[in-house]
Amino acid sequence: MKTEAGILKNVKSVEKPKQELLKKMKKYWQLYLFIIPALLYFLIFCYIPMYGIQLAFKEYNPVVGITKSPWIGMEHFTRFFRSYHFRTLLLNTLSLSLKQLLFGFPIPILLAIMLNQVRNEKFKKTVQTVTYAPHFISIVVLVGMLNIFFSIRGGLVNEVLNFLGKESILFMGEEKYFRNLYVGSGIWQNMGWNAIIYLAALTSVSPDLHEAAVIDGASKWKRIWHIDLPSILPTIVVLLILNVGQIMSLGFEKAFLMQNSLNIGKSEIISTYVYKIGLINAQYGFATAVGLFNSVINFTLLIIVNKIAKKISDTSLW
């Protein structure tokens, strides 16, 4: 009897939260209705395509389809790891990603802190508009601008170099300039937009803290270091975790558009390689395996960085 009573008690304890959830959904059904488009987006574009992951472990035959194609296990992964492309692709992707993270992540924070110190509202809004407007420029247009400005014939940068008595440089054709152009243009395009979230976090800082610090004789630098930065630190940590979790997922479009036969030694990254192997050469299984490897690395880094952040700062995604 005691056992039956215990089972009934456990069943009731499980059903109670479900009933409460249903009551909340009925009461706030309008709010849950707004969630449906987002859920459909992730379902259609993120979860349903995961059905195709099995291509990474099969010798895909379009005639019989994905399900009936023969299993080959880890053969595609072994082929990629033994390929002479593997080391180059991994180094190019990691180098470009780390450089982008190292220089691209702190600049929006610095921009937000500097804008937060500006007291002239008109100047502040002008700078904000100028800095986040490039975010709305498409990647195709951005790469076109790079080609025009850094062109060896008539390009603005080379015209300035010629005026200073220096020879023209083939910026878009030399491997050593590719990463700097990629990262620099990305910072210019996104720093204003990425600074918005930090500016929003800074608005939550109480003015009383700054007033008290001024009375105590604290300089502007000390107020930034001891008040502003600690206030936005949780936001910084969360965004850093998300950025590290995407460290292997560089934008395909920009790298592909900037790529040419002269700089391919540095511009060929995993995403451009997957495009060429999968869509151009129609090696769907092999391309899926390479893409899956990329995603697994990102997922692993996300878990590790999240765990480290939780131990150090008590701030994490979960």
C-alpha atoms as a PDB file:
ATOM      1  CA  MET A   1       0.000   0.000   0.000  1.00  0.00           C
ATOM      2  CA  LYS A   2       2.845   2.326   0.881  1.00  0.00           C
ATOM      3  CA  THR A   3       4.457   1.653  -2.471  1.00  0.00           C
ATOM      4  CA  GLU A   4       1.240   2.391  -4.349  1.00  0.00           C
ATOM      5  CA  ALA A   5       0.750   5.562  -2.323  1.00  0.00           C
ATOM      6  CA  GLY A   6       4.283   6.648  -3.157  1.00  0.00           C
ATOM      7  CA  ILE A   7       3.757   6.030  -6.878  1.00  0.00           C
ATOM      8  CA  LEU A   8       0.492   8.005  -6.840  1.00  0.00           C
ATOM      9  CA  LYS A   9       2.259  10.833  -5.008  1.00  0.00           C
ATOM     10  CA  ASN A  10       5.030  10.927  -7.633  1.00  0.00           C
ATOM     11  CA  VAL A  11       2.500  10.897 -10.480  1.00  0.00           C
ATOM     12  CA  LYS A  12       0.618  13.816  -8.911  1.00  0.00           C
ATOM     13  CA  SER A  13       3.862  15.755  -8.389  1.00  0.00           C
ATOM     14  CA  VAL A  14       4.662  15.329 -12.117  1.00  0.00           C
ATOM     15  CA  GLU A  15       1.148  16.230 -13.291  1.00  0.00           C
ATOM     16  CA  LYS A  16       0.922  19.353 -11.124  1.00  0.00           C
ATOM     17  CA  PRO A  17       3.610  21.370 -13.039  1.00  0.00           C
ATOM     18  CA  LYS A  18       2.014  20.280 -16.329  1.00  0.00           C
ATOM     19  CA  GLN A  19      -1.378  21.535 -15.187  1.00  0.00           C
ATOM     20  CA  GLU A  20       0.136  24.824 -14.047  1.00  0.00           C
ATOM     21  CA  LEU A  21       1.898  25.220 -17.407  1.00  0.00           C
ATOM     22  CA  LEU A  22      -1.360  24.579 -19.278  1.00  0.00           C
ATOM     23  CA  LYS A  23      -3.140  27.158 -17.130  1.00  0.00           C
ATOM     24  CA  LYS A  24      -0.444  29.738 -17.874  1.00  0.00           C
ATOM     25  CA  MET A  25      -0.617  28.959 -21.604  1.00  0.00           C
ATOM     26  CA  LYS A  26      -4.383  29.434 -21.601  1.00  0.00           C
ATOM     27  CA  LYS A  27      -4.090  32.657 -19.633  1.00  0.00           C
ATOM     28  CA  TYR A  28      -1.270  34.172 -21.695  1.00  0.00           C
ATOM     29  CA  TRP A  29      -2.041  32.528 -25.035  1.00  0.00           C
ATOM     30  CA  GLN A  30      -1.356  35.782 -26.935  1.00  0.00           C
ATOM     31  CA  LEU A  31       2.269  35.805 -25.750  1.00  0.00           C
ATOM     32  CA  TYR A  32       2.775  32.158 -26.685  1.00  0.00           C
ATOM     33  CA  LEU A  33       1.280  32.938 -30.095  1.00  0.00           C
ATOM     34  CA  PHE A  34       4.145  35.363 -30.745  1.00  0.00           C
ATOM     35  CA  ILE A  35       6.660  32.567 -30.092  1.00  0.00           C
ATOM     36  CA  ILE A  36       5.257  30.349 -32.867  1.00  0.00           C
ATOM     37  CA  PRO A  37       7.062  32.098 -35.814  1.00  0.00           C
ATOM     38  CA  ALA A  38      10.425  31.788 -34.012  1.00  0.00           C
ATOM     39  CA  LEU A  39       9.768  28.125 -33.195  1.00  0.00           C
ATOM     40  CA  LEU A  40       8.794  27.436 -36.813  1.00  0.00           C
ATOM     41  CA  TYR A  41      11.955  29.158 -38.029  1.00  0.00           C
ATOM     42  CA  PHE A  42      14.226  26.985 -35.891  1.00  0.00           C
ATOM     43  CA  LEU A  43      12.197  23.873 -36.674  1.00  0.00           C
ATOM     44  CA  ILE A  44      12.270  24.363 -40.458  1.00  0.00           C
ATOM     45  CA  PHE A  45      15.776  25.740 -40.915  1.00  0.00           C
ATOM     46  CA  CYS A  46      17.706  24.193 -37.992  1.00  0.00           C
ATOM     47  CA  TYR A  47      16.143  20.942 -36.803  1.00  0.00           C
ATOM     48  CA  ILE A  48      14.556  19.378 -39.898  1.00  0.00           C
ATOM     49  CA  PRO A  49      17.809  19.755 -41.946  1.00  0.00           C
ATOM     50  CA  MET A  50      19.583  17.712 -39.236  1.00  0.00           C
ATOM     51  CA  TYR A  51      18.009  14.684 -40.916  1.00  0.00           C
ATOM     52  CA  GLY A  52      20.683  15.108 -43.587  1.00  0.00           C
ATOM     53  CA  ILE A  53      23.545  14.660 -41.087  1.00  0.00           C
ATOM     54  CA  GLN A  54      23.454  10.934 -41.819  1.00  0.00           C
ATOM     55  CA  LEU A  55      24.961  11.762 -45.227  1.00  0.00           C
ATOM     56  CA  ALA A  56      28.277  12.138 -43.392  1.00  0.00           C
ATOM     57  CA  PHE A  57      28.219   8.397 -42.661  1.00  0.00           C
ATOM     58  CA  LYS A  58      26.856   7.184 -46.013  1.00  0.00           C
ATOM     59  CA  GLU A  59      27.938   6.817 -49.618  1.00  0.00           C
ATOM     60  CA  TYR A  60      25.109   8.960 -50.958  1.00  0.00           C
ATOM     61  CA  ASN A  61      23.342   7.721 -54.057  1.00  0.00           C
ATOM     62  CA  PRO A  62      20.765  10.193 -55.448  1.00  0.00           C
ATOM     63  CA  VAL A  63      18.892   7.359 -57.163  1.00  0.00           C
ATOM     64  CA  VAL A  64      17.994   5.483 -53.960  1.00  0.00           C
ATOM     65  CA  GLY A  65      17.932   8.530 -51.652  1.00  0.00           C
ATOM     66  CA  ILE A  66      19.439   9.239 -48.239  1.00  0.00           C
ATOM     67  CA  THR A  67      17.722   6.456 -46.309  1.00  0.00           C
ATOM     68  CA  LYS A  68      18.673   3.602 -48.652  1.00  0.00           C
ATOM     69  CA  SER A  69      22.221   4.782 -49.373  1.00  0.00           C
ATOM     70  CA  PRO A  70      24.843   2.368 -47.963  1.00  0.00           C
ATOM     71  CA  TRP A  71      26.521   3.111 -44.618  1.00  0.00           C
ATOM     72  CA  ILE A  72      30.295   3.599 -44.745  1.00  0.00           C
ATOM     73  CA  GLY A  73      30.918   4.712 -41.156  1.00  0.00           C
ATOM     74  CA  MET A  74      33.768   7.182 -40.584  1.00  0.00           C
ATOM     75  CA  GLU A  75      35.261   6.858 -44.059  1.00  0.00           C
ATOM     76  CA  HIS A  76      34.519  10.472 -45.069  1.00  0.00           C
ATOM     77  CA  PHE A  77      36.061  11.808 -41.843  1.00  0.00           C
ATOM     78  CA  THR A  78      39.166   9.642 -42.301  1.00  0.00           C
ATOM     79  CA  ARG A  79      39.524  10.893 -45.865  1.00  0.00           C
ATOM     80  CA  PHE A  80      39.312  14.512 -44.708  1.00  0.00           C
ATOM     81  CA  PHE A  81      41.796  14.085 -41.842  1.00  0.00           C
ATOM     82  CA  ARG A  82      44.295  12.402 -44.191  1.00  0.00           C
ATOM     83  CA  SER A  83      43.803  14.965 -46.932  1.00  0.00           C
ATOM     84  CA  TYR A  84      46.596  17.449 -47.617  1.00  0.00           C
ATOM     85  CA  HIS A  85      43.899  20.175 -47.399  1.00  0.00           C
ATOM     86  CA  PHE A  86      43.124  19.424 -43.746  1.00  0.00           C
ATOM     87  CA  ARG A  87      46.037  21.213 -42.075  1.00  0.00           C
ATOM     88  CA  THR A  88      45.801  24.263 -44.347  1.00  0.00           C
ATOM     89  CA  LEU A  89      42.032  24.595 -43.938  1.00  0.00           C
ATOM     90  CA  LEU A  90      42.190  24.214 -40.160  1.00  0.00           C
ATOM     91  CA  LEU A  91      45.038  26.715 -39.762  1.00  0.00           C
ATOM     92  CA  ASN A  92      43.423  29.261 -42.094  1.00  0.00           C
ATOM     93  CA  THR A  93      40.054  28.999 -40.337  1.00  0.00           C
ATOM     94  CA  LEU A  94      41.498  29.189 -36.827  1.00  0.00           C
ATOM     95  CA  SER A  95      43.923  32.010 -37.654  1.00  0.00           C
ATOM     96  CA  LEU A  96      41.229  34.135 -39.258  1.00  0.00           C
ATOM     97  CA  SER A  97      38.708  33.392 -36.483  1.00  0.00           C
ATOM     98  CA  LEU A  98      41.104  34.097 -33.617  1.00  0.00           C
ATOM     99  CA  LYS A  99      42.301  37.320 -35.223  1.00  0.00           C
ATOM    100  CA  GLN A 100      38.710  38.407 -35.732  1.00  0.00           C
ATOM    101  CA  LEU A 101      37.866  37.568 -32.105  1.00  0.00           C
ATOM    102  CA  LEU A 102      41.024  39.200 -30.699  1.00  0.00           C
ATOM    103  CA  PHE A 103      40.562  42.518 -32.498  1.00  0.00           C
ATOM    104  CA  GLY A 104      36.868  42.537 -33.332  1.00  0.00           C
ATOM    105  CA  PHE A 105      35.431  41.673 -29.915  1.00  0.00           C
ATOM    106  CA  PRO A 106      36.956  44.427 -27.677  1.00  0.00           C
ATOM    107  CA  ILE A 107      36.422  47.371 -30.065  1.00  0.00           C
ATOM    108  CA  PRO A 108      32.592  47.551 -29.679  1.00  0.00           C
ATOM    109  CA  ILE A 109      33.087  47.541 -25.883  1.00  0.00           C
ATOM    110  CA  LEU A 110      35.550  50.440 -26.098  1.00  0.00           C
ATOM    111  CA  LEU A 111      33.248  52.317 -28.495  1.00  0.00           C
ATOM    112  CA  ALA A 112      30.255  51.864 -26.162  1.00  0.00           C
ATOM    113  CA  ILE A 113      32.239  53.075 -23.124  1.00  0.00           C
ATOM    114  CA  MET A 114      33.522  56.128 -25.011  1.00  0.00           C
ATOM    115  CA  LEU A 115      30.047  57.003 -26.298  1.00  0.00           C
ATOM    116  CA  ASN A 116      28.659  56.585 -22.803  1.00  0.00           C
ATOM    117  CA  GLN A 117      31.055  59.287 -21.585  1.00  0.00           C
ATOM    118  CA  VAL A 118      29.948  61.789 -24.251  1.00  0.00           C
ATOM    119  CA  ARG A 119      27.622  64.461 -22.847  1.00  0.00           C
ATOM    120  CA  ASN A 120      26.774  66.181 -26.123  1.00  0.00           C
ATOM    121  CA  GLU A 121      23.699  64.204 -27.227  1.00  0.00           C
ATOM    122  CA  LYS A 122      23.764  65.511 -30.804  1.00  0.00           C
ATOM    123  CA  PHE A 123      27.383  64.467 -31.308  1.00  0.00           C
ATOM    124  CA  LYS A 124      26.712  61.121 -29.601  1.00  0.00           C
ATOM    125  CA  LYS A 125      23.769  60.293 -31.879  1.00  0.00           C
ATOM    126  CA  THR A 126      25.731  61.352 -34.966  1.00  0.00           C
ATOM    127  CA  VAL A 127      28.633  59.044 -34.076  1.00  0.00           C
ATOM    128  CA  GLN A 128      26.222  56.186 -33.333  1.00  0.00           C
ATOM    129  CA  THR A 129      24.512  56.592 -36.689  1.00  0.00           C
ATOM    130  CA  VAL A 130      27.800  56.799 -38.594  1.00  0.00           C
ATOM    131  CA  THR A 131      29.259  53.739 -36.866  1.00  0.00           C
ATOM    132  CA  TYR A 132      26.293  51.367 -37.102  1.00  0.00           C
ATOM    133  CA  ALA A 133      25.116  52.379 -40.591  1.00  0.00           C
ATOM    134  CA  PRO A 134      27.759  50.138 -42.314  1.00  0.00           C
ATOM    135  CA  HIS A 135      26.088  47.111 -40.708  1.00  0.00           C
ATOM    136  CA  PHE A 136      23.276  47.425 -43.261  1.00  0.00           C
ATOM    137  CA  ILE A 137      25.650  47.244 -46.225  1.00  0.00           C
ATOM    138  CA  SER A 138      25.438  43.842 -47.901  1.00  0.00           C
ATOM    139  CA  ILE A 139      28.523  41.622 -48.056  1.00  0.00           C
ATOM    140  CA  VAL A 140      28.567  41.835 -51.852  1.00  0.00           C
ATOM    141  CA  VAL A 141      28.637  45.637 -51.752  1.00  0.00           C
ATOM    142  CA  LEU A 142      31.280  45.616 -49.005  1.00  0.00           C
ATOM    143  CA  VAL A 143      33.625  43.391 -51.011  1.00  0.00           C
ATOM    144  CA  GLY A 144      32.974  45.580 -54.062  1.00  0.00           C
ATOM    145  CA  MET A 145      34.033  48.606 -52.019  1.00  0.00           C
ATOM    146  CA  LEU A 146      37.208  46.804 -50.952  1.00  0.00           C
ATOM    147  CA  ASN A 147      38.010  46.011 -54.571  1.00  0.00           C
ATOM    148  CA  ILE A 148      37.542  49.658 -55.551  1.00  0.00           C
ATOM    149  CA  PHE A 149      39.412  51.261 -52.653  1.00  0.00           C
ATOM    150  CA  PHE A 150      42.326  48.804 -52.743  1.00  0.00           C
ATOM    151  CA  SER A 151      42.532  48.429 -56.508  1.00  0.00           C
ATOM    152  CA  ILE A 152      46.059  48.598 -57.902  1.00  0.00           C
ATOM    153  CA  ARG A 153      44.817  50.924 -60.631  1.00  0.00           C
ATOM    154  CA  GLY A 154      43.035  54.034 -59.432  1.00  0.00           C
ATOM    155  CA  GLY A 155      42.293  52.700 -55.950  1.00  0.00           C
ATOM    156  CA  LEU A 156      42.159  55.357 -53.225  1.00  0.00           C
ATOM    157  CA  VAL A 157      44.721  53.625 -51.002  1.00  0.00           C
ATOM    158  CA  ASN A 158      47.241  53.124 -53.809  1.00  0.00           C
ATOM    159  CA  GLU A 159      46.710  56.693 -55.012  1.00  0.00           C
ATOM    160  CA  VAL A 160      47.685  57.902 -51.543  1.00  0.00           C
ATOM    161  CA  LEU A 161      50.730  55.599 -51.556  1.00  0.00           C
ATOM    162  CA  ASN A 162      51.766  56.925 -54.981  1.00  0.00           C
ATOM    163  CA  PHE A 163      51.350  60.499 -53.723  1.00  0.00           C
ATOM    164  CA  LEU A 164      53.721  59.654 -50.858  1.00  0.00           C
ATOM    165  CA  GLY A 165      56.250  58.329 -53.351  1.00  0.00           C
ATOM    166  CA  LYS A 166      55.625  54.614 -52.764  1.00  0.00           C
ATOM    167  CA  GLU A 167      54.779  51.872 -55.250  1.00  0.00           C
ATOM    168  CA  SER A 168      51.285  50.463 -55.688  1.00  0.00           C
ATOM    169  CA  ILE A 169      50.443  47.269 -53.791  1.00  0.00           C
ATOM    170  CA  LEU A 170      48.188  44.452 -54.993  1.00  0.00           C
ATOM    171  CA  PHE A 171      46.251  44.263 -51.723  1.00  0.00           C
ATOM    172  CA  MET A 172      43.500  41.944 -52.966  1.00  0.00           C
ATOM    173  CA  GLY A 173      45.966  39.594 -54.635  1.00  0.00           C
ATOM    174  CA  GLU A 174      48.625  39.050 -51.976  1.00  0.00           C
ATOM    175  CA  GLU A 175      48.057  36.433 -49.285  1.00  0.00           C
ATOM    176  CA  LYS A 176      49.651  38.463 -46.487  1.00  0.00           C
ATOM    177  CA  TYR A 177      46.996  41.194 -46.759  1.00  0.00           C
ATOM    178  CA  PHE A 178      43.923  38.944 -46.885  1.00  0.00           C
ATOM    179  CA  ARG A 179      43.396  38.464 -43.132  1.00  0.00           C
ATOM    180  CA  ASN A 180      43.978  42.137 -42.320  1.00  0.00           C
ATOM    181  CA  LEU A 181      41.476  43.223 -44.967  1.00  0.00           C
ATOM    182  CA  TYR A 182      38.938  40.605 -43.869  1.00  0.00           C
ATOM    183  CA  VAL A 183      39.159  41.453 -40.160  1.00  0.00           C
ATOM    184  CA  GLY A 184      39.515  45.217 -40.636  1.00  0.00           C
ATOM    185  CA  SER A 185      36.493  45.502 -42.914  1.00  0.00           C
ATOM    186  CA  GLY A 186      34.485  43.336 -40.495  1.00  0.00           C
ATOM    187  CA  ILE A 187      35.356  45.615 -37.567  1.00  0.00           C
ATOM    188  CA  TRP A 188      34.393  48.700 -39.567  1.00  0.00           C
ATOM    189  CA  GLN A 189      31.092  47.149 -40.621  1.00  0.00           C
ATOM    190  CA  ASN A 190      29.952  45.713 -37.283  1.00  0.00           C
ATOM    191  CA  MET A 191      31.535  47.668 -34.412  1.00  0.00           C
ATOM    192  CA  GLY A 192      28.713  50.215 -34.167  1.00  0.00           C
ATOM    193  CA  TRP A 193      25.990  47.599 -34.338  1.00  0.00           C
ATOM    194  CA  ASN A 194      27.680  45.349 -31.756  1.00  0.00           C
ATOM    195  CA  ALA A 195      28.164  48.331 -29.439  1.00  0.00           C
ATOM    196  CA  ILE A 196      24.399  48.829 -29.106  1.00  0.00           C
ATOM    197  CA  ILE A 197      23.964  45.988 -26.618  1.00  0.00           C
ATOM    198  CA  TYR A 198      26.790  47.346 -24.437  1.00  0.00           C
ATOM    199  CA  LEU A 199      25.285  50.832 -24.534  1.00  0.00           C
ATOM    200  CA  ALA A 200      21.978  49.330 -23.425  1.00  0.00           C
ATOM    201  CA  ALA A 201      23.749  47.567 -20.540  1.00  0.00           C
ATOM    202  CA  LEU A 202      25.488  50.820 -19.527  1.00  0.00           C
ATOM    203  CA  THR A 203      22.157  52.629 -19.228  1.00  0.00           C
ATOM    204  CA  SER A 204      21.322  50.363 -16.275  1.00  0.00           C
ATOM    205  CA  VAL A 205      24.276  51.750 -14.280  1.00  0.00           C
ATOM    206  CA  SER A 206      22.948  53.984 -11.505  1.00  0.00           C
ATOM    207  CA  PRO A 207      24.057  57.648 -11.789  1.00  0.00           C
ATOM    208  CA  ASP A 208      24.327  57.676  -7.987  1.00  0.00           C
ATOM    209  CA  LEU A 209      27.399  55.438  -8.217  1.00  0.00           C
ATOM    210  CA  HIS A 210      29.188  57.940 -10.460  1.00  0.00           C
ATOM    211  CA  GLU A 211      28.127  60.869  -8.296  1.00  0.00           C
ATOM    212  CA  ALA A 212      29.460  59.151  -5.185  1.00  0.00           C
ATOM    213  CA  ALA A 213      32.712  58.300  -6.989  1.00  0.00           C
ATOM    214  CA  VAL A 214      33.151  61.937  -8.126  1.00  0.00           C
ATOM    215  CA  ILE A 215      32.642  63.154  -4.550  1.00  0.00           C
ATOM    216  CA  ASP A 216      35.321  60.681  -3.414  1.00  0.00           C
ATOM    217  CA  GLY A 217      37.700  62.155  -5.999  1.00  0.00           C
ATOM    218  CA  ALA A 218      37.685  59.295  -8.505  1.00  0.00           C
ATOM    219  CA  SER A 219      38.912  60.180 -11.997  1.00  0.00           C
ATOM    220  CA  LYS A 220      36.967  59.349 -15.140  1.00  0.00           C
ATOM    221  CA  TRP A 221      39.257  56.380 -15.865  1.00  0.00           C
ATOM    222  CA  LYS A 222      38.739  54.963 -12.366  1.00  0.00           C
ATOM    223  CA  ARG A 223      34.963  55.345 -12.693  1.00  0.00           C
ATOM    224  CA  ILE A 224      35.039  53.448 -15.984  1.00  0.00           C
ATOM    225  CA  TRP A 225      37.264  50.714 -14.525  1.00  0.00           C
ATOM    226  CA  HIS A 226      35.434  50.265 -11.210  1.00  0.00           C
ATOM    227  CA  ILE A 227      31.813  51.090 -12.150  1.00  0.00           C
ATOM    228  CA  ASP A 228      31.100  50.789 -15.885  1.00  0.00           C
ATOM    229  CA  LEU A 229      33.156  47.685 -16.707  1.00  0.00           C
ATOM    230  CA  PRO A 230      31.942  45.572 -13.741  1.00  0.00           C
ATOM    231  CA  SER A 231      28.348  46.539 -14.617  1.00  0.00           C
ATOM    232  CA  ILE A 232      28.583  45.233 -18.175  1.00  0.00           C
ATOM    233  CA  LEU A 233      30.879  42.288 -17.366  1.00  0.00           C
ATOM    234  CA  PRO A 234      28.046  39.679 -17.395  1.00  0.00           C
ATOM    235  CA  THR A 235      27.016  40.905 -20.864  1.00  0.00           C
ATOM    236  CA  ILE A 236      30.634  40.747 -22.054  1.00  0.00           C
ATOM    237  CA  VAL A 237      31.062  37.187 -20.735  1.00  0.00           C
ATOM    238  CA  VAL A 238      27.857  35.897 -22.371  1.00  0.00           C
ATOM    239  CA  LEU A 239      28.711  37.457 -25.746  1.00  0.00           C
ATOM    240  CA  LEU A 240      32.278  36.158 -25.510  1.00  0.00           C
ATOM    241  CA  ILE A 241      30.966  32.620 -24.943  1.00  0.00           C
ATOM    242  CA  LEU A 242      28.685  32.943 -27.974  1.00  0.00           C
ATOM    243  CA  ASN A 243      31.530  34.294 -30.107  1.00  0.00           C
ATOM    244  CA  VAL A 244      33.895  31.506 -29.092  1.00  0.00           C
ATOM    245  CA  GLY A 245      31.116  28.996 -29.840  1.00  0.00           C
ATOM    246  CA  GLN A 246      31.109  30.266 -33.432  1.00  0.00           C
ATOM    247  CA  ILE A 247      34.870  30.526 -33.818  1.00  0.00           C
ATOM    248  CA  MET A 248      34.951  27.978 -36.669  1.00  0.00           C
ATOM    249  CA  SER A 249      31.868  29.409 -38.401  1.00  0.00           C
ATOM    250  CA  LEU A 250      33.312  32.239 -40.429  1.00  0.00           C
ATOM    251  CA  GLY A 251      31.086  33.932 -42.938  1.00  0.00           C
ATOM    252  CA  PHE A 252      31.250  31.957 -46.181  1.00  0.00           C
ATOM    253  CA  GLU A 253      30.082  34.761 -48.460  1.00  0.00           C
ATOM    254  CA  LYS A 254      32.742  37.311 -47.593  1.00  0.00           C
ATOM    255  CA  ALA A 255      35.670  34.870 -47.717  1.00  0.00           C
ATOM    256  CA  PHE A 256      34.421  33.415 -51.009  1.00  0.00           C
ATOM    257  CA  LEU A 257      33.918  36.821 -52.629  1.00  0.00           C
ATOM    258  CA  MET A 258      37.359  38.059 -51.527  1.00  0.00           C
ATOM    259  CA  GLN A 259      38.983  34.840 -52.709  1.00  0.00           C
ATOM    260  CA  ASN A 260      40.992  34.608 -55.913  1.00  0.00           C
ATOM    261  CA  SER A 261      43.725  32.417 -57.348  1.00  0.00           C
ATOM    262  CA  LEU A 262      46.463  34.646 -55.904  1.00  0.00           C
ATOM    263  CA  ASN A 263      45.350  34.660 -52.256  1.00  0.00           C
ATOM    264  CA  ILE A 264      43.733  31.210 -52.048  1.00  0.00           C
ATOM    265  CA  GLY A 265      46.546  29.935 -49.821  1.00  0.00           C
ATOM    266  CA  LYS A 266      45.149  32.065 -46.957  1.00  0.00           C
ATOM    267  CA  SER A 267      41.544  32.604 -48.058  1.00  0.00           C
ATOM    268  CA  GLU A 268      40.518  28.944 -48.417  1.00  0.00           C
ATOM    269  CA  ILE A 269      38.670  28.116 -45.188  1.00  0.00           C
ATOM    270  CA  ILE A 270      36.418  25.217 -44.185  1.00  0.00           C
ATOM    271  CA  SER A 271      33.152  26.893 -45.228  1.00  0.00           C
ATOM    272  CA  THR A 272      34.410  27.761 -48.732  1.00  0.00           C
ATOM    273  CA  TYR A 273      35.866  24.261 -49.085  1.00  0.00           C
ATOM    274  CA  VAL A 274      32.522  22.674 -48.124  1.00  0.00           C
ATOM    275  CA  TYR A 275      30.766  24.797 -50.751  1.00  0.00           C
ATOM    276  CA  LYS A 276      33.159  23.762 -53.502  1.00  0.00           C
ATOM    277  CA  ILE A 277      33.224  20.071 -52.574  1.00  0.00           C
ATOM    278  CA  GLY A 278      29.508  19.782 -51.860  1.00  0.00           C
ATOM    279  CA  LEU A 279      27.721  21.979 -54.378  1.00  0.00           C
ATOM    280  CA  ILE A 280      30.243  22.308 -57.195  1.00  0.00           C
ATOM    281  CA  ASN A 281      31.793  18.812 -57.113  1.00  0.00           C
ATOM    282  CA  ALA A 282      28.584  17.144 -55.847  1.00  0.00           C
ATOM    283  CA  GLN A 283      30.389  15.157 -53.125  1.00  0.00           C
ATOM    284  CA  TYR A 284      27.481  15.548 -50.712  1.00  0.00           C
ATOM    285  CA  GLY A 285      28.505  12.945 -48.150  1.00  0.00           C
ATOM    286  CA  PHE A 286      32.084  14.167 -47.881  1.00  0.00           C
ATOM    287  CA  ALA A 287      30.990  17.821 -47.651  1.00  0.00           C
ATOM    288  CA  THR A 288      28.480  16.929 -44.915  1.00  0.00           C
ATOM    289  CA  ALA A 289      31.231  15.173 -42.943  1.00  0.00           C
ATOM    290  CA  VAL A 290      33.503  18.235 -43.149  1.00  0.00           C
ATOM    291  CA  GLY A 291      30.659  20.527 -42.110  1.00  0.00           C
ATOM    292  CA  LEU A 292      29.750  18.216 -39.211  1.00  0.00           C
ATOM    293  CA  PHE A 293      33.369  18.234 -38.038  1.00  0.00           C
ATOM    294  CA  ASN A 294      33.247  22.028 -38.052  1.00  0.00           C
ATOM    295  CA  SER A 295      30.030  22.079 -35.998  1.00  0.00           C
ATOM    296  CA  VAL A 296      31.349  19.555 -33.460  1.00  0.00           C
ATOM    297  CA  ILE A 297      34.418  21.731 -32.835  1.00  0.00           C
ATOM    298  CA  ASN A 298      32.190  24.770 -32.291  1.00  0.00           C
ATOM    299  CA  PHE A 299      29.919  22.847 -29.923  1.00  0.00           C
ATOM    300  CA  THR A 300      32.875  21.512 -27.934  1.00  0.00           C
ATOM    301  CA  LEU A 301      34.417  24.984 -27.579  1.00  0.00           C
ATOM    302  CA  LEU A 302      31.055  26.383 -26.487  1.00  0.00           C
ATOM    303  CA  ILE A 303      30.734  23.792 -23.707  1.00  0.00           C
ATOM    304  CA  ILE A 304      34.324  24.290 -22.507  1.00  0.00           C
ATOM    305  CA  VAL A 305      34.241  28.103 -22.503  1.00  0.00           C
ATOM    306  CA  ASN A 306      30.822  28.154 -20.836  1.00  0.00           C
ATOM    307  CA  LYS A 307      32.114  25.888 -18.051  1.00  0.00           C
ATOM    308  CA  ILE A 308      35.261  27.998 -17.560  1.00  0.00           C
ATOM    309  CA  ALA A 309      33.222  31.225 -17.475  1.00  0.00           C
ATOM    310  CA  LYS A 310      30.856  29.748 -14.904  1.00  0.00           C
ATOM    311  CA  LYS A 311      33.743  28.848 -12.591  1.00  0.00           C
ATOM    312  CA  ILE A 312      35.567  32.163 -12.961  1.00  0.00           C
ATOM    313  CA  SER A 313      32.745  34.718 -13.069  1.00  0.00           C
ATOM    314  CA  ASP A 314      29.539  32.849 -12.113  1.00  0.00           C
ATOM    315  CA  THR A 315      28.092  34.014 -15.450  1.00  0.00           C
ATOM    316  CA  SER A 316      27.224  31.486 -18.126  1.00  0.00           C
ATOM    317  CA  LEU A 317      24.626  30.507 -20.697  1.00  0.00           C
ATOM    318  CA  TRP A 318      23.345  27.667 -18.525  1.00  0.00           C
END
